[in-house]
Amino acid sequence: MVANLRFKVDENLPSEVAEHLRRAGYDAETVLTEHLGGSSDMAIAAICQREARTLITLDTGFTDIRTYPPDQYAGLIVLRLKRQDKRHVLAIVARLATKLSEESLVENASESEGSEEIYRVGSFLSRVSRCYRPDGE
């Protein structure tokens, strides 16, 4: 597992995402439980910076590296999914949690074929990379 990796789960994701990450051994908080719902993207990003947390979100605006330079954040994980129902999102997060515990994020992640993407942008990764949906989903 990646030591000391801390997450902030955006309001556009089910709260169970944080629970899933906690069960995997990570420190995870949600935007909603911290009463930050409705806050601007810039405000959420600033809070994540201050708390040294990796934001996990469906908001593709966070992939704009001019607005959110990767070297200024602990990490930004943007899920770009064809299906956003709770069951599917949680399956993707389970895959992500497994990948996080299996690989060094300092090195480039491997890419495979698929149609769904998890963009990981942040100072812990040297480039934007992709992970794909779990088998059978």
Protein backbone atom coordinates (compact mmCIF):
# COMPACT_ATOMS: atom_id res chain seq x y z
CA MET A 1 0.00 0.00 0.00
CA VAL A 2 1.14 3.55 -0.64
CA ALA A 3 2.06 4.97 2.75
CA ASN A 4 0.20 8.03 3.99
CA LEU A 5 -2.05 8.41 0.94
CA ARG A 6 -5.03 10.52 2.00
CA PHE A 7 -8.20 11.07 -0.03
CA LYS A 8 -11.02 13.58 -0.28
CA VAL A 9 -14.06 12.14 -2.09
CA ASP A 10 -16.00 14.73 -4.09
CA GLU A 11 -19.75 15.24 -3.66
CA ASN A 12 -20.46 13.75 -7.10
CA LEU A 13 -19.45 10.29 -5.86
CA PRO A 14 -21.29 8.00 -3.44
CA SER A 15 -20.15 8.28 0.18
CA GLU A 16 -19.43 4.55 0.05
CA VAL A 17 -16.34 5.40 -2.01
CA ALA A 18 -14.72 6.79 1.14
CA GLU A 19 -15.81 3.73 3.12
CA HIS A 20 -14.28 1.48 0.46
CA LEU A 21 -10.98 3.38 0.59
CA ARG A 22 -10.95 3.23 4.40
CA ARG A 23 -11.49 -0.54 4.33
CA ALA A 24 -8.49 -0.73 2.01
CA GLY A 25 -6.44 1.06 4.68
CA TYR A 26 -6.47 4.62 3.37
CA ASP A 27 -7.43 7.84 5.14
CA ALA A 28 -10.54 9.08 3.30
CA GLU A 29 -12.93 11.98 3.97
CA THR A 30 -15.84 13.24 1.90
CA VAL A 31 -16.75 16.72 0.76
CA LEU A 32 -20.30 16.23 2.05
CA THR A 33 -19.44 15.00 5.56
CA GLU A 34 -17.19 18.04 5.93
CA HIS A 35 -20.12 20.31 4.92
CA LEU A 36 -18.37 21.49 1.77
CA GLY A 37 -21.17 20.53 -0.64
CA GLY A 38 -21.77 23.22 -3.25
CA SER A 39 -18.29 24.70 -2.81
CA SER A 40 -16.46 25.77 -5.95
CA ASP A 41 -13.91 23.49 -7.56
CA MET A 42 -11.19 26.01 -6.69
CA ALA A 43 -12.25 25.97 -3.02
CA ILE A 44 -12.25 22.15 -2.91
CA ALA A 45 -8.85 22.07 -4.62
CA ALA A 46 -7.43 24.58 -2.12
CA ILE A 47 -8.70 22.51 0.81
CA CYS A 48 -7.17 19.37 -0.68
CA GLN A 49 -3.88 21.24 -1.09
CA ARG A 50 -3.94 22.44 2.51
CA GLU A 51 -4.80 18.97 3.84
CA ALA A 52 -2.39 17.18 1.46
CA ARG A 53 -5.26 15.00 0.21
CA THR A 54 -5.79 13.41 -3.19
CA LEU A 55 -9.17 14.43 -4.60
CA ILE A 56 -11.21 11.69 -6.26
CA THR A 57 -14.01 13.02 -8.47
CA LEU A 58 -16.10 12.64 -11.61
CA ASP A 59 -15.50 16.31 -12.48
CA THR A 60 -13.36 16.40 -15.63
CA GLY A 61 -12.58 20.07 -14.99
CA PHE A 62 -9.86 18.85 -12.63
CA THR A 63 -7.93 17.39 -15.59
CA ASP A 64 -7.06 20.94 -16.74
CA ILE A 65 -3.40 21.11 -15.74
CA ARG A 66 -3.29 24.86 -16.36
CA THR A 67 -5.87 25.43 -13.64
CA TYR A 68 -4.73 22.55 -11.41
CA PRO A 69 -0.96 22.10 -11.97
CA PRO A 70 -0.06 18.54 -10.91
CA ASP A 71 3.02 19.56 -8.97
CA GLN A 72 0.86 21.67 -6.64
CA TYR A 73 -1.39 18.84 -5.42
CA ALA A 74 -0.98 15.58 -3.53
CA GLY A 75 -3.08 14.13 -6.35
CA LEU A 76 -6.22 14.49 -8.43
CA ILE A 77 -8.05 11.35 -9.54
CA VAL A 78 -10.75 11.92 -12.13
CA LEU A 79 -13.02 9.00 -12.95
CA ARG A 80 -14.39 9.17 -16.48
CA LEU A 81 -16.98 6.44 -16.63
CA LYS A 82 -19.59 5.43 -19.19
CA ARG A 83 -21.85 4.28 -16.36
CA GLN A 84 -22.08 6.22 -13.12
CA ASP A 85 -24.50 4.06 -11.16
CA LYS A 86 -23.39 3.34 -7.60
CA ARG A 87 -22.61 -0.34 -8.16
CA HIS A 88 -20.39 0.39 -11.14
CA VAL A 89 -18.59 3.31 -9.48
CA LEU A 90 -17.84 1.18 -6.40
CA ALA A 91 -16.49 -1.62 -8.63
CA ILE A 92 -14.16 0.86 -10.30
CA VAL A 93 -13.01 2.23 -6.93
CA ALA A 94 -12.34 -1.32 -5.73
CA ARG A 95 -10.10 -1.78 -8.77
CA LEU A 96 -8.41 1.55 -8.10
CA ALA A 97 -7.76 0.68 -4.43
CA THR A 98 -6.19 -2.59 -5.54
CA LYS A 99 -4.03 -0.84 -8.13
CA LEU A 100 -2.91 1.74 -5.58
CA SER A 101 -1.77 -0.98 -3.22
CA GLU A 102 -0.02 -2.98 -5.97
CA GLU A 103 1.99 -0.42 -7.88
CA SER A 104 4.40 2.38 -7.28
CA LEU A 105 2.73 5.61 -8.31
CA VAL A 106 6.07 7.29 -8.82
CA GLU A 107 6.52 5.23 -11.97
CA ASN A 108 4.23 5.31 -14.98
CA ALA A 109 1.28 2.96 -14.66
CA SER A 110 0.76 0.42 -17.37
CA GLU A 111 -2.05 0.94 -19.85
CA SER A 112 -4.44 -1.65 -21.21
CA GLU A 113 -7.28 -1.58 -23.69
CA GLY A 114 -10.71 -0.53 -22.53
CA SER A 115 -13.28 2.19 -22.71
CA GLU A 116 -13.36 3.62 -19.20
CA GLU A 117 -10.63 5.68 -17.71
CA ILE A 118 -9.27 6.79 -14.39
CA TYR A 119 -7.05 9.80 -14.89
CA ARG A 120 -4.54 10.21 -12.11
CA VAL A 121 -2.95 13.60 -12.06
CA GLY A 122 -0.67 14.74 -9.28
CA SER A 123 2.77 15.20 -7.91
CA PHE A 124 2.90 11.49 -7.04
CA LEU A 125 2.70 10.57 -10.72
CA SER A 126 4.94 11.75 -13.50
CA ARG A 127 2.22 11.77 -16.15
CA VAL A 128 -1.51 11.33 -16.68
CA SER A 129 -2.19 7.61 -16.95
CA ARG A 130 -5.14 5.29 -17.33
CA CYS A 131 -6.61 2.30 -15.55
CA TYR A 132 -9.59 0.48 -16.97
CA ARG A 133 -12.73 -1.16 -15.72
CA PRO A 134 -12.60 -4.42 -13.81
CA ASP A 135 -13.16 -7.65 -15.76
CA GLY A 136 -16.83 -8.50 -16.11
CA GLU A 137 -18.10 -4.94 -15.66
